[in-house]
C-alpha atoms as a PDB file:
ATOM      1  CA  MET A   1      33.948 -72.097  35.336  1.00  0.00           C
ATOM      2  CA  LEU A   2      33.166 -69.631  37.614  1.00  0.00           C
ATOM      3  CA  HIS A   3      35.247 -66.973  34.945  1.00  0.00           C
ATOM      4  CA  LEU A   4      33.062 -68.307  32.547  1.00  0.00           C
ATOM      5  CA  THR A   5      29.885 -67.653  34.445  1.00  0.00           C
ATOM      6  CA  ALA A   6      31.501 -63.746  35.276  1.00  0.00           C
ATOM      7  CA  CYS A   7      32.224 -62.936  31.322  1.00  0.00           C
ATOM      8  CA  LEU A   8      28.598 -64.182  30.573  1.00  0.00           C
ATOM      9  CA  ARG A   9      27.244 -61.728  33.368  1.00  0.00           C
ATOM     10  CA  GLU A  10      29.201 -58.594  32.043  1.00  0.00           C
ATOM     11  CA  MET A  11      28.509 -59.580  28.318  1.00  0.00           C
ATOM     12  CA  ALA A  12      24.575 -59.719  29.163  1.00  0.00           C
ATOM     13  CA  THR A  13      24.556 -56.162  31.559  1.00  0.00           C
ATOM     14  CA  VAL A  14      26.627 -54.190  28.627  1.00  0.00           C
ATOM     15  CA  LEU A  15      24.062 -55.876  26.292  1.00  0.00           C
ATOM     16  CA  PHE A  16      21.110 -54.505  28.374  1.00  0.00           C
ATOM     17  CA  PHE A  17      22.306 -50.977  28.650  1.00  0.00           C
ATOM     18  CA  ALA A  18      23.170 -50.368  24.943  1.00  0.00           C
ATOM     19  CA  SER A  19      19.790 -51.577  23.847  1.00  0.00           C
ATOM     20  CA  ILE A  20      18.275 -48.716  25.982  1.00  0.00           C
ATOM     21  CA  PRO A  21      19.092 -45.379  23.902  1.00  0.00           C
ATOM     22  CA  LEU A  22      17.969 -47.205  20.823  1.00  0.00           C
ATOM     23  CA  ALA A  23      14.616 -47.702  22.996  1.00  0.00           C
ATOM     24  CA  LEU A  24      14.007 -44.389  23.948  1.00  0.00           C
ATOM     25  CA  SER A  25      15.220 -43.318  20.212  1.00  0.00           C
ATOM     26  CA  ALA A  26      12.831 -45.281  18.877  1.00  0.00           C
ATOM     27  CA  ALA A  27      10.118 -42.564  16.802  1.00  0.00           C
ATOM     28  CA  PRO A  28       6.659 -43.022  17.614  1.00  0.00           C
ATOM     29  CA  ALA A  29       3.859 -44.502  15.016  1.00  0.00           C
ATOM     30  CA  ALA A  30       2.801 -41.541  13.129  1.00  0.00           C
ATOM     31  CA  GLY A  31      -0.989 -41.396  13.441  1.00  0.00           C
ATOM     32  CA  PRO A  32      -3.345 -39.306  11.173  1.00  0.00           C
ATOM     33  CA  LYS A  33      -2.377 -35.918   9.853  1.00  0.00           C
ATOM     34  CA  SER A  34      -5.268 -33.694  11.559  1.00  0.00           C
ATOM     35  CA  LYS A  35      -6.317 -30.626   9.044  1.00  0.00           C
ATOM     36  CA  PRO A  36      -5.392 -27.553   9.776  1.00  0.00           C
ATOM     37  CA  GLU A  37      -7.698 -24.706  11.498  1.00  0.00           C
ATOM     38  CA  SER A  38      -9.575 -22.957   8.893  1.00  0.00           C
ATOM     39  CA  ALA A  39      -9.715 -19.036   9.127  1.00  0.00           C
ATOM     40  CA  ALA A  40     -13.197 -19.250  10.617  1.00  0.00           C
ATOM     41  CA  GLU A  41     -12.110 -21.861  13.355  1.00  0.00           C
ATOM     42  CA  LYS A  42      -9.642 -19.083  14.362  1.00  0.00           C
ATOM     43  CA  VAL A  43     -12.256 -16.681  14.217  1.00  0.00           C
ATOM     44  CA  ARG A  44     -14.638 -18.075  16.231  1.00  0.00           C
ATOM     45  CA  LYS A  45     -11.898 -19.147  18.756  1.00  0.00           C
ATOM     46  CA  ALA A  46     -11.528 -15.433  18.839  1.00  0.00           C
ATOM     47  CA  LEU A  47     -14.747 -14.983  19.410  1.00  0.00           C
ATOM     48  CA  ASP A  48     -14.699 -17.368  22.693  1.00  0.00           C
ATOM     49  CA  GLN A  49     -11.978 -15.315  24.579  1.00  0.00           C
ATOM     50  CA  THR A  50     -13.237 -12.761  27.500  1.00  0.00           C
ATOM     51  CA  LEU A  51     -12.521  -9.320  27.713  1.00  0.00           C
ATOM     52  CA  GLU A  52     -13.407  -6.452  30.047  1.00  0.00           C
ATOM     53  CA  ILE A  53     -16.403  -4.740  29.024  1.00  0.00           C
ATOM     54  CA  SER A  54     -17.425  -0.996  29.590  1.00  0.00           C
ATOM     55  CA  PRO A  55     -19.439   1.736  27.670  1.00  0.00           C
ATOM     56  CA  GLU A  56     -15.968   3.819  27.603  1.00  0.00           C
ATOM     57  CA  SER A  57     -14.218   1.047  25.637  1.00  0.00           C
ATOM     58  CA  VAL A  58     -16.638   0.022  23.409  1.00  0.00           C
ATOM     59  CA  GLY A  59     -18.427   3.788  22.358  1.00  0.00           C
ATOM     60  CA  SER A  60     -21.776   4.495  21.870  1.00  0.00           C
ATOM     61  CA  THR A  61     -22.252   3.669  18.183  1.00  0.00           C
ATOM     62  CA  LEU A  62     -21.939   0.369  16.246  1.00  0.00           C
ATOM     63  CA  ASP A  63     -18.918   1.768  14.091  1.00  0.00           C
ATOM     64  CA  SER A  64     -17.092   2.590  17.459  1.00  0.00           C
ATOM     65  CA  ALA A  65     -17.804  -0.769  18.629  1.00  0.00           C
ATOM     66  CA  THR A  66     -16.921  -2.782  15.577  1.00  0.00           C
ATOM     67  CA  ALA A  67     -13.448  -0.738  15.834  1.00  0.00           C
ATOM     68  CA  PHE A  68     -13.412  -1.819  19.493  1.00  0.00           C
ATOM     69  CA  PHE A  69     -13.623  -5.600  18.633  1.00  0.00           C
ATOM     70  CA  GLN A  70     -11.516  -5.610  16.065  1.00  0.00           C
ATOM     71  CA  GLU A  71      -9.141  -4.339  17.856  1.00  0.00           C
ATOM     72  CA  ALA A  72      -9.131  -6.706  20.779  1.00  0.00           C
ATOM     73  CA  THR A  73      -9.704  -9.685  18.966  1.00  0.00           C
ATOM     74  CA  LYS A  74      -7.284  -9.072  15.923  1.00  0.00           C
ATOM     75  CA  ALA A  75     -10.354 -10.176  13.720  1.00  0.00           C
ATOM     76  CA  ASN A  76     -11.402  -8.954  10.646  1.00  0.00           C
ATOM     77  CA  PHE A  77     -15.415  -7.050  11.774  1.00  0.00           C
ATOM     78  CA  THR A  78     -17.212  -5.108   9.084  1.00  0.00           C
ATOM     79  CA  VAL A  79     -20.882  -4.000   8.845  1.00  0.00           C
ATOM     80  CA  ASP A  80     -23.388  -4.730   5.972  1.00  0.00           C
ATOM     81  CA  ARG A  81     -24.431  -1.070   5.570  1.00  0.00           C
ATOM     82  CA  GLY A  82     -26.569  -2.543   2.584  1.00  0.00           C
ATOM     83  CA  THR A  83     -28.762  -4.380   4.561  1.00  0.00           C
ATOM     84  CA  LEU A  84     -29.122  -1.650   7.433  1.00  0.00           C
ATOM     85  CA  ALA A  85     -30.258   0.801   5.052  1.00  0.00           C
ATOM     86  CA  GLN A  86     -32.808  -1.231   4.025  1.00  0.00           C
ATOM     87  CA  MET A  87     -33.633  -1.352   7.764  1.00  0.00           C
ATOM     88  CA  GLY A  88     -33.484   2.133   8.045  1.00  0.00           C
ATOM     89  CA  LEU A  89     -30.657   1.975  10.171  1.00  0.00           C
ATOM     90  CA  ASP A  90     -27.300   4.044  10.139  1.00  0.00           C
ATOM     91  CA  PRO A  91     -24.542   2.788  11.653  1.00  0.00           C
ATOM     92  CA  ASN A  92     -23.390   6.079  13.261  1.00  0.00           C
ATOM     93  CA  SER A  93     -26.980   7.062  14.507  1.00  0.00           C
ATOM     94  CA  ILE A  94     -27.365   3.277  16.143  1.00  0.00           C
ATOM     95  CA  GLN A  95     -27.267   4.109  20.280  1.00  0.00           C
ATOM     96  CA  LEU A  96     -25.479   1.209  21.795  1.00  0.00           C
ATOM     97  CA  SER A  97     -26.553   0.165  25.139  1.00  0.00           C
ATOM     98  CA  VAL A  98     -23.161  -1.515  26.982  1.00  0.00           C
ATOM     99  CA  LYS A  99     -22.866  -2.142  30.805  1.00  0.00           C
ATOM    100  CA  LYS A 100     -19.621  -3.035  32.536  1.00  0.00           C
ATOM    101  CA  GLU A 101     -18.756  -6.415  32.853  1.00  0.00           C
ATOM    102  CA  ASN A 102     -15.959  -9.121  31.988  1.00  0.00           C
ATOM    103  CA  THR A 103     -17.880 -11.630  29.195  1.00  0.00           C
ATOM    104  CA  LYS A 104     -16.964 -13.761  26.131  1.00  0.00           C
ATOM    105  CA  VAL A 105     -16.605 -11.447  23.305  1.00  0.00           C
ATOM    106  CA  ARG A 106     -20.088 -13.461  21.328  1.00  0.00           C
ATOM    107  CA  THR A 107     -21.852 -12.923  24.221  1.00  0.00           C
ATOM    108  CA  ALA A 108     -21.214  -9.020  24.298  1.00  0.00           C
ATOM    109  CA  LEU A 109     -21.651  -8.948  20.846  1.00  0.00           C
ATOM    110  CA  ARG A 110     -25.423 -10.989  20.723  1.00  0.00           C
ATOM    111  CA  ALA A 111     -26.185  -8.511  23.893  1.00  0.00           C
ATOM    112  CA  ILE A 112     -25.445  -5.168  21.612  1.00  0.00           C
ATOM    113  CA  LEU A 113     -26.851  -6.130  18.524  1.00  0.00           C
ATOM    114  CA  GLN A 114     -30.034  -8.044  19.007  1.00  0.00           C
ATOM    115  CA  PRO A 115     -31.999  -4.908  20.695  1.00  0.00           C
ATOM    116  CA  HIS A 116     -31.780  -3.595  17.606  1.00  0.00           C
ATOM    117  CA  GLY A 117     -32.591  -6.486  15.320  1.00  0.00           C
ATOM    118  CA  LEU A 118     -28.728  -7.495  14.169  1.00  0.00           C
ATOM    119  CA  SER A 119     -26.864 -10.136  14.537  1.00  0.00           C
ATOM    120  CA  TYR A 120     -23.455 -11.466  12.796  1.00  0.00           C
ATOM    121  CA  ALA A 121     -21.855 -13.810  10.676  1.00  0.00           C
ATOM    122  CA  ILE A 122     -18.402 -15.455  10.750  1.00  0.00           C
ATOM    123  CA  LEU A 123     -17.803 -15.665   6.910  1.00  0.00           C
ATOM    124  CA  GLY A 124     -14.056 -16.869   6.525  1.00  0.00           C
ATOM    125  CA  ASP A 125     -11.682 -14.878   8.541  1.00  0.00           C
ATOM    126  CA  THR A 126     -14.383 -11.746   8.612  1.00  0.00           C
ATOM    127  CA  VAL A 127     -17.059 -11.166  11.183  1.00  0.00           C
ATOM    128  CA  VAL A 128     -20.163  -9.476   9.553  1.00  0.00           C
ATOM    129  CA  ILE A 129     -22.717  -7.425  11.379  1.00  0.00           C
ATOM    130  CA  THR A 130     -25.907  -8.000   9.540  1.00  0.00           C
ATOM    131  CA  SER A 131     -29.788  -8.531  10.307  1.00  0.00           C
ATOM    132  CA  ASP A 132     -30.551 -11.313  12.118  1.00  0.00           C
ATOM    133  CA  ASP A 133     -32.245 -13.231   8.894  1.00  0.00           C
ATOM    134  CA  MET A 134     -29.532 -12.323   6.770  1.00  0.00           C
ATOM    135  CA  ALA A 135     -26.679 -13.436   8.899  1.00  0.00           C
ATOM    136  CA  LEU A 136     -27.880 -17.267   8.241  1.00  0.00           C
ATOM    137  CA  ASN A 137     -28.450 -16.795   4.520  1.00  0.00           C
ATOM    138  CA  ARG A 138     -24.685 -15.277   4.128  1.00  0.00           C
ATOM    139  CA  GLN A 139     -23.334 -18.493   5.850  1.00  0.00           C
ATOM    140  CA  LEU A 140     -25.413 -20.674   3.546  1.00  0.00           C
ATOM    141  CA  ARG A 141     -24.031 -19.035   0.789  1.00  0.00           C
ATOM    142  CA  GLN A 142     -20.661 -18.585   1.716  1.00  0.00           C
ATOM    143  CA  ARG A 143     -18.147 -19.986  -0.876  1.00  0.00           C
ATOM    144  CA  VAL A 144     -16.232 -23.378  -0.685  1.00  0.00           C
ATOM    145  CA  ASN A 145     -14.227 -26.269  -1.726  1.00  0.00           C
ATOM    146  CA  VAL A 146     -14.627 -29.486  -1.573  1.00  0.00           C
ATOM    147  CA  ASP A 147     -12.421 -32.911  -2.830  1.00  0.00           C
ATOM    148  CA  LEU A 148     -13.700 -35.311  -1.361  1.00  0.00           C
ATOM    149  CA  ASP A 149     -13.141 -39.156  -2.311  1.00  0.00           C
ATOM    150  CA  LYS A 150     -15.281 -42.207  -0.737  1.00  0.00           C
ATOM    151  CA  VAL A 151     -16.017 -40.806   2.591  1.00  0.00           C
ATOM    152  CA  SER A 152     -18.888 -41.016   5.002  1.00  0.00           C
ATOM    153  CA  LEU A 153     -21.634 -38.638   4.665  1.00  0.00           C
ATOM    154  CA  GLU A 154     -21.337 -37.970   8.348  1.00  0.00           C
ATOM    155  CA  THR A 155     -17.932 -36.988   8.016  1.00  0.00           C
ATOM    156  CA  ALA A 156     -18.089 -34.803   5.097  1.00  0.00           C
ATOM    157  CA  LEU A 157     -20.474 -32.967   7.061  1.00  0.00           C
ATOM    158  CA  LYS A 158     -19.207 -32.752  10.182  1.00  0.00           C
ATOM    159  CA  ASP A 159     -16.213 -31.974   8.754  1.00  0.00           C
ATOM    160  CA  LEU A 160     -17.335 -29.261   6.420  1.00  0.00           C
ATOM    161  CA  ALA A 161     -19.865 -27.573   9.436  1.00  0.00           C
ATOM    162  CA  LYS A 162     -16.214 -27.480  11.606  1.00  0.00           C
ATOM    163  CA  GLU A 163     -14.911 -25.386   8.932  1.00  0.00           C
ATOM    164  CA  THR A 164     -17.097 -23.198   8.257  1.00  0.00           C
ATOM    165  CA  VAL A 165     -18.282 -22.871  11.598  1.00  0.00           C
ATOM    166  CA  THR A 166     -22.181 -23.662  11.065  1.00  0.00           C
ATOM    167  CA  ASN A 167     -24.684 -25.523  12.824  1.00  0.00           C
ATOM    168  CA  LEU A 168     -25.439 -29.165  11.107  1.00  0.00           C
ATOM    169  CA  LEU A 169     -27.215 -31.921  12.583  1.00  0.00           C
ATOM    170  CA  ILE A 170     -28.251 -35.559  11.405  1.00  0.00           C
ATOM    171  CA  ASP A 171     -31.180 -37.198  12.423  1.00  0.00           C
ATOM    172  CA  LYS A 172     -30.450 -40.126  14.052  1.00  0.00           C
ATOM    173  CA  LYS A 173     -33.110 -42.114  12.527  1.00  0.00           C
ATOM    174  CA  VAL A 174     -31.040 -42.193   9.343  1.00  0.00           C
ATOM    175  CA  ALA A 175     -27.696 -42.967  11.089  1.00  0.00           C
ATOM    176  CA  LYS A 176     -27.451 -45.869   8.566  1.00  0.00           C
ATOM    177  CA  GLU A 177     -27.874 -43.658   5.443  1.00  0.00           C
ATOM    178  CA  ALA A 178     -25.326 -40.952   6.729  1.00  0.00           C
ATOM    179  CA  LYS A 179     -22.317 -43.936   6.820  1.00  0.00           C
ATOM    180  CA  ALA A 180     -22.804 -44.106   3.316  1.00  0.00           C
ATOM    181  CA  GLU A 181     -19.896 -43.196   1.365  1.00  0.00           C
ATOM    182  CA  VAL A 182     -20.007 -39.858  -1.035  1.00  0.00           C
ATOM    183  CA  SER A 183     -17.755 -38.385  -3.614  1.00  0.00           C
ATOM    184  CA  LEU A 184     -17.345 -34.800  -4.755  1.00  0.00           C
ATOM    185  CA  GLN A 185     -15.025 -32.187  -6.243  1.00  0.00           C
ATOM    186  CA  PHE A 186     -15.846 -28.571  -6.701  1.00  0.00           C
ATOM    187  CA  GLU A 187     -14.273 -25.027  -6.322  1.00  0.00           C
ATOM    188  CA  ASP A 188     -16.468 -21.918  -5.105  1.00  0.00           C
ATOM    189  CA  VAL A 189     -19.203 -23.435  -4.672  1.00  0.00           C
ATOM    190  CA  PRO A 190     -22.628 -22.038  -1.950  1.00  0.00           C
ATOM    191  CA  TYR A 191     -22.378 -23.982   1.027  1.00  0.00           C
ATOM    192  CA  GLU A 192     -25.935 -24.974   1.184  1.00  0.00           C
ATOM    193  CA  THR A 193     -25.285 -26.579  -2.885  1.00  0.00           C
ATOM    194  CA  VAL A 194     -22.654 -28.689  -1.774  1.00  0.00           C
ATOM    195  CA  VAL A 195     -24.548 -30.119   1.235  1.00  0.00           C
ATOM    196  CA  ARG A 196     -27.646 -30.663  -0.732  1.00  0.00           C
ATOM    197  CA  LEU A 197     -25.271 -32.860  -3.101  1.00  0.00           C
ATOM    198  CA  LEU A 198     -23.639 -34.772  -0.679  1.00  0.00           C
ATOM    199  CA  CYS A 199     -26.955 -35.602   1.031  1.00  0.00           C
ATOM    200  CA  GLU A 200     -28.559 -36.579  -2.511  1.00  0.00           C
ATOM    201  CA  GLN A 201     -26.015 -39.202  -2.544  1.00  0.00           C
ATOM    202  CA  ALA A 202     -27.180 -40.904   0.594  1.00  0.00           C
ATOM    203  CA  GLY A 203     -30.764 -39.992   0.055  1.00  0.00           C
ATOM    204  CA  LEU A 204     -31.769 -37.414   2.381  1.00  0.00           C
ATOM    205  CA  LYS A 205     -32.483 -34.108   2.640  1.00  0.00           C
ATOM    206  CA  PRO A 206     -31.005 -31.062   4.525  1.00  0.00           C
ATOM    207  CA  VAL A 207     -33.661 -28.753   6.366  1.00  0.00           C
ATOM    208  CA  ARG A 208     -33.320 -25.453   7.522  1.00  0.00           C
ATOM    209  CA  LEU A 209     -34.581 -25.178  11.012  1.00  0.00           C
ATOM    210  CA  GLY A 210     -33.998 -21.579  12.463  1.00  0.00           C
ATOM    211  CA  ASN A 211     -30.321 -21.393  12.213  1.00  0.00           C
ATOM    212  CA  VAL A 212     -29.553 -25.008  11.747  1.00  0.00           C
ATOM    213  CA  LEU A 213     -28.922 -27.278   8.869  1.00  0.00           C
ATOM    214  CA  TYR A 214     -31.176 -30.789   9.663  1.00  0.00           C
ATOM    215  CA  ILE A 215     -30.426 -33.028   7.921  1.00  0.00           C
ATOM    216  CA  THR A 216     -33.305 -36.354   7.510  1.00  0.00           C
ATOM    217  CA  SER A 217     -35.472 -38.181   5.281  1.00  0.00           C
ATOM    218  CA  SER A 218     -37.603 -36.960   2.708  1.00  0.00           C
ATOM    219  CA  ALA A 219     -40.305 -38.049   3.939  1.00  0.00           C
ATOM    220  CA  ILE A 220     -39.467 -35.917   7.398  1.00  0.00           C
ATOM    221  CA  ALA A 221     -37.995 -33.378   5.534  1.00  0.00           C
ATOM    222  CA  LYS A 222     -41.276 -32.481   3.571  1.00  0.00           C
ATOM    223  CA  GLU A 223     -43.356 -32.320   6.791  1.00  0.00           C
ATOM    224  CA  LEU A 224     -41.144 -30.081   8.767  1.00  0.00           C
ATOM    225  CA  ARG A 225     -41.593 -27.663   5.324  1.00  0.00           C
ATOM    226  CA  SER A 226     -44.968 -27.649   5.819  1.00  0.00           C
ATOM    227  CA  GLU A 227     -44.622 -26.360   9.185  1.00  0.00           C
ATOM    228  CA  PRO A 228     -44.034 -22.058   9.608  1.00  0.00           C
ATOM    229  CA  ASP A 229     -43.676 -22.183  13.185  1.00  0.00           C
ATOM    230  CA  LEU A 230     -40.217 -24.672  12.551  1.00  0.00           C
ATOM    231  CA  ALA A 231     -38.848 -24.227   9.566  1.00  0.00           C
ATOM    232  CA  SER A 232     -37.584 -20.611   8.243  1.00  0.00           C
ATOM    233  CA  SER A 233     -36.296 -19.207   4.893  1.00  0.00           C
ATOM    234  CA  GLY A 234     -34.805 -16.038   6.396  1.00  0.00           C
ATOM    235  CA  ILE A 235     -38.147 -13.867   4.831  1.00  0.00           C
ATOM    236  CA  PRO A 236     -40.508 -12.741   6.643  1.00  0.00           C
ATOM    237  CA  GLY A 237     -44.096 -14.783   5.725  1.00  0.00           C
ATOM    238  CA  VAL A 238     -42.254 -17.336   3.732  1.00  0.00           C
ATOM    239  CA  PRO A 239     -42.088 -20.872   5.428  1.00  0.00           C
ATOM    240  CA  SER A 240     -39.778 -23.578   3.845  1.00  0.00           C
ATOM    241  CA  GLY A 241     -36.160 -25.482   4.570  1.00  0.00           C
ATOM    242  CA  ILE A 242     -33.370 -25.076   2.500  1.00  0.00           C
ATOM    243  CA  GLU A 243     -35.357 -24.548  -0.275  1.00  0.00           C
ATOM    244  CA  MET A 244     -37.538 -21.552  -0.138  1.00  0.00           C
ATOM    245  CA  ALA A 245     -41.233 -21.547  -1.022  1.00  0.00           C
ATOM    246  CA  VAL A 246     -41.803 -19.205  -4.529  1.00  0.00           C
ATOM    247  CA  PRO A 247     -45.720 -17.944  -3.672  1.00  0.00           C
ATOM    248  CA  PRO A 248     -47.809 -18.321  -7.017  1.00  0.00           C
ATOM    249  CA  VAL A 249     -48.793 -15.239  -9.363  1.00  0.00           C
ATOM    250  CA  PRO A 250     -51.834 -14.752 -10.989  1.00  0.00           C
ATOM    251  CA  GLY A 251     -51.266 -16.096 -14.521  1.00  0.00           C
ATOM    252  CA  GLY A 252     -49.223 -18.891 -13.730  1.00  0.00           C
ATOM    253  CA  ALA A 253     -45.618 -17.271 -13.549  1.00  0.00           C
ATOM    254  CA  ALA A 254     -43.537 -17.195 -10.156  1.00  0.00           C
ATOM    255  CA  ILE A 255     -41.386 -14.118  -8.516  1.00  0.00           C
ATOM    256  CA  GLY A 256     -37.811 -15.009  -7.340  1.00  0.00           C
ATOM    257  CA  LEU A 257     -37.209 -14.323  -3.558  1.00  0.00           C
ATOM    258  CA  VAL A 258     -34.206 -12.313  -3.286  1.00  0.00           C
ATOM    259  CA  PRO A 259     -32.789 -12.774   0.817  1.00  0.00           C
ATOM    260  CA  GLY A 260     -32.554  -8.830   1.784  1.00  0.00           C
ATOM    261  CA  ARG A 261     -34.781  -7.471  -0.618  1.00  0.00           C
ATOM    262  CA  ALA A 262     -38.458  -6.634  -0.444  1.00  0.00           C
ATOM    263  CA  LEU A 263     -40.845  -8.571  -2.346  1.00  0.00           C
ATOM    264  CA  ILE A 264     -42.395  -7.032  -5.242  1.00  0.00           C
ATOM    265  CA  PRO A 265     -46.014  -7.386  -5.171  1.00  0.00           C
ATOM    266  CA  ALA A 266     -47.489  -8.729  -8.174  1.00  0.00           C
ATOM    267  CA  VAL A 267     -49.507  -6.128 -10.671  1.00  0.00           C
ATOM    268  CA  GLU A 268     -52.746  -7.837 -11.999  1.00  0.00           C
ATOM    269  CA  VAL A 269     -53.084  -7.174 -15.753  1.00  0.00           C
ATOM    270  CA  PRO A 270     -56.160  -6.463 -17.096  1.00  0.00           C
ATOM    271  CA  ALA A 271     -57.852  -9.642 -19.201  1.00  0.00           C
ATOM    272  CA  ALA A 272     -57.754  -9.107 -22.903  1.00  0.00           C
ATOM    273  CA  PRO A 273     -61.763  -8.781 -24.315  1.00  0.00           C
ATOM    274  CA  PRO A 274     -62.650 -11.692 -26.602  1.00  0.00           C
ATOM    275  CA  PRO A 275     -62.370 -11.706 -30.312  1.00  0.00           C
ATOM    276  CA  GLY A 276     -65.852 -11.243 -30.715  1.00  0.00           C
ATOM    277  CA  ASP A 277     -65.989  -8.104 -28.345  1.00  0.00           C
ATOM    278  CA  ALA A 278     -63.485  -5.695 -29.918  1.00  0.00           C
ATOM    279  CA  VAL A 279     -63.371  -2.081 -27.889  1.00  0.00           C
ATOM    280  CA  PRO A 280     -63.027   0.646 -30.456  1.00  0.00           C
ATOM    281  CA  ASP A 281     -60.215   2.910 -30.137  1.00  0.00           C
ATOM    282  CA  PRO A 282     -61.358   5.809 -28.895  1.00  0.00           C
ATOM    283  CA  ALA A 283     -58.446   7.383 -31.790  1.00  0.00           C
ATOM    284  CA  ASP A 284     -60.496   5.967 -34.371  1.00  0.00           C
ATOM    285  CA  LYS A 285     -63.818   7.502 -33.239  1.00  0.00           C
ATOM    286  CA  LYS A 286     -64.826   9.815 -35.729  1.00  0.00           C
ATOM    287  CA  PRO A 287     -65.932  13.631 -34.065  1.00  0.00           C
ATOM    288  CA  GLU A 288     -69.512  13.932 -34.460  1.00  0.00           C
ATOM    289  CA  GLU A 289     -70.852  15.947 -36.797  1.00  0.00           C
ATOM    290  CA  LYS A 290     -72.825  19.623 -35.646  1.00  0.00           C
ATOM    291  CA  LYS A 291     -75.826  20.352 -37.167  1.00  0.00           C
ATOM    292  CA  PRO A 292     -76.331  23.851 -38.190  1.00  0.00           C
ATOM    293  CA  VAL A 293     -78.075  26.306 -36.211  1.00  0.00           C
ATOM    294  CA  GLU A 294     -81.126  27.461 -37.911  1.00  0.00           C
ATOM    295  CA  LYS A 295     -81.671  31.649 -37.589  1.00  0.00           C
ATOM    296  CA  GLU A 296     -84.744  32.698 -36.104  1.00  0.00           C
ATOM    297  CA  LYS A 297     -86.996  34.104 -38.724  1.00  0.00           C
ATOM    298  CA  ASP A 298     -87.716  37.551 -38.340  1.00  0.00           C
ATOM    299  CA  LYS A 299     -91.509  37.942 -37.533  1.00  0.00           C
ATOM    300  CA  ASN A 300     -92.657  40.626 -40.124  1.00  0.00           C
END
């Protein structure tokens, strides 16, 4: 009896230790795969790193500064020379004010660019130096690809904003509508168009407030767009949300607004005279007949 008990104990011990490697080698449950970082997200991280900034390293011109930051961050930098030319600025003649400090790249960039009315936009793998107004316009018009099938609007918008490194906020008052499922498949479509189409499927509207896209109800969007102090189209004097307001032109026509270009003033054309008051053409006017000059008779 004792011998049998001892054998059972030995068998239990062998089975216990034999089960340990199996437990340790068991693979953990696979979770949802996270999306790889987009090019814009990598650039954003590059701009978050801290560098030692000094006048000697950055230089005194915009071209020298972009060359320094490109080498330091390994990100692509480019200057929007067309927009700067419209502002009357030459990248080689802009004198930068740089102080020596350890700071984030994005902080140093803004401190250098803001005194000249400039800013930057992250577009894919490139940092574009441009005007403050044009920076957001370029972000809103960058081309994106979407392949969504029955995804909540909130998730779709947050993923899109993260991928493009743009600022987007959903109004808490429309939290229920933001959970609506949306579907959209497009390639090479402007970012703002995709946001609008996604919001339309949930009965919501995007409004541009500064450099933020605010997703809210149609009523609130309309109210915000009517407040020039809150909404900005990126073009001075034209208040609007994500849609640009178009000023009326005499005659009922309209002038399309192109970001970055000056508004062309409307030229008033004189109204045509009514049919009964025709104006004679100067070319049809007959020359006046000259009366013969009578010679004075000699007085004899």
